[in-house]
Amino acid sequence: MPVTVKICGINTADAMHAAVAGGAGYVGLMFYPASPRFLALEAAARLAIPVPDGIERVGVFVDAPDEVIARTLDAVPIDMLQLHGAEPPRRVAEIRNRFGLPVIKAIKIAGPDDLAEARIHESAADMLLFDAKPPVEMADALPGGNALAFDWRIIAGHRWPRPWMLSGGLTAANLGQAVGTSGAVRVDVSSGVETAPGEKDPALIRAFIQAAAEA
């Protein structure tokens, strides 16, 4: 089964073009103000509007109130919402029902015990995204995009009632191993296609998508 790619945290036209032309299935736009990939609404709209049909435009939020999500959706064409904070299942379901869009819920993994978090979100979200949980001693850790990987064996062999996506520390170099170990058929990358936090490299985007095609 082919591996579908999500390029997350896109913030320039060159990066968006590389993702779209390369064959990404999802493109992520960041609406978390503390992120170096954060986009103002006008800039996000300029990037999102030209994206062709068949590529899902994902708006990424972290514990955002309804009014922030509503204001974003009024300004930017978004196909899916990604919740990357501490949103409990009830909040995930509220957002899904209020805005009528599919929801991806990020689950942060450090060890096997963290899989319990995925199980309690199964009925509320449309898709799960497994990302690395930053260690408590990591200074200035973001909710995601920290260039950290978790032990992919933790999720290997599990069967989830929802589609799921692998994230966290992925690069073109380790993607084949990550897919082979975890069994992922959808992968998400942000820092792994950057030269510095928030600085997407079109060549790295193309290389990552090519690696997914070969995985």
Foldseek 3Di string as FASTA:
>chain_A
DFAAEEAALDQDLLQLCLCQVLHHQEYYQECEVVALSHDDLVSQQVSQVVRDPRHFYEYEDEPDDPVSVVVSVVRHPGQEYEYLYPDFLVRLQVVCVVVVHAYEYEQADAALVSVVSVVRNQVRHQEYEYEHDDDPPDPPDDSHDPLAHHDLLSQAPDDGPHHYEYEYNDFLVCVVVSCVRNVHRYYYYYNNQAPDRSHGDSVRSSSNSVSSRVD
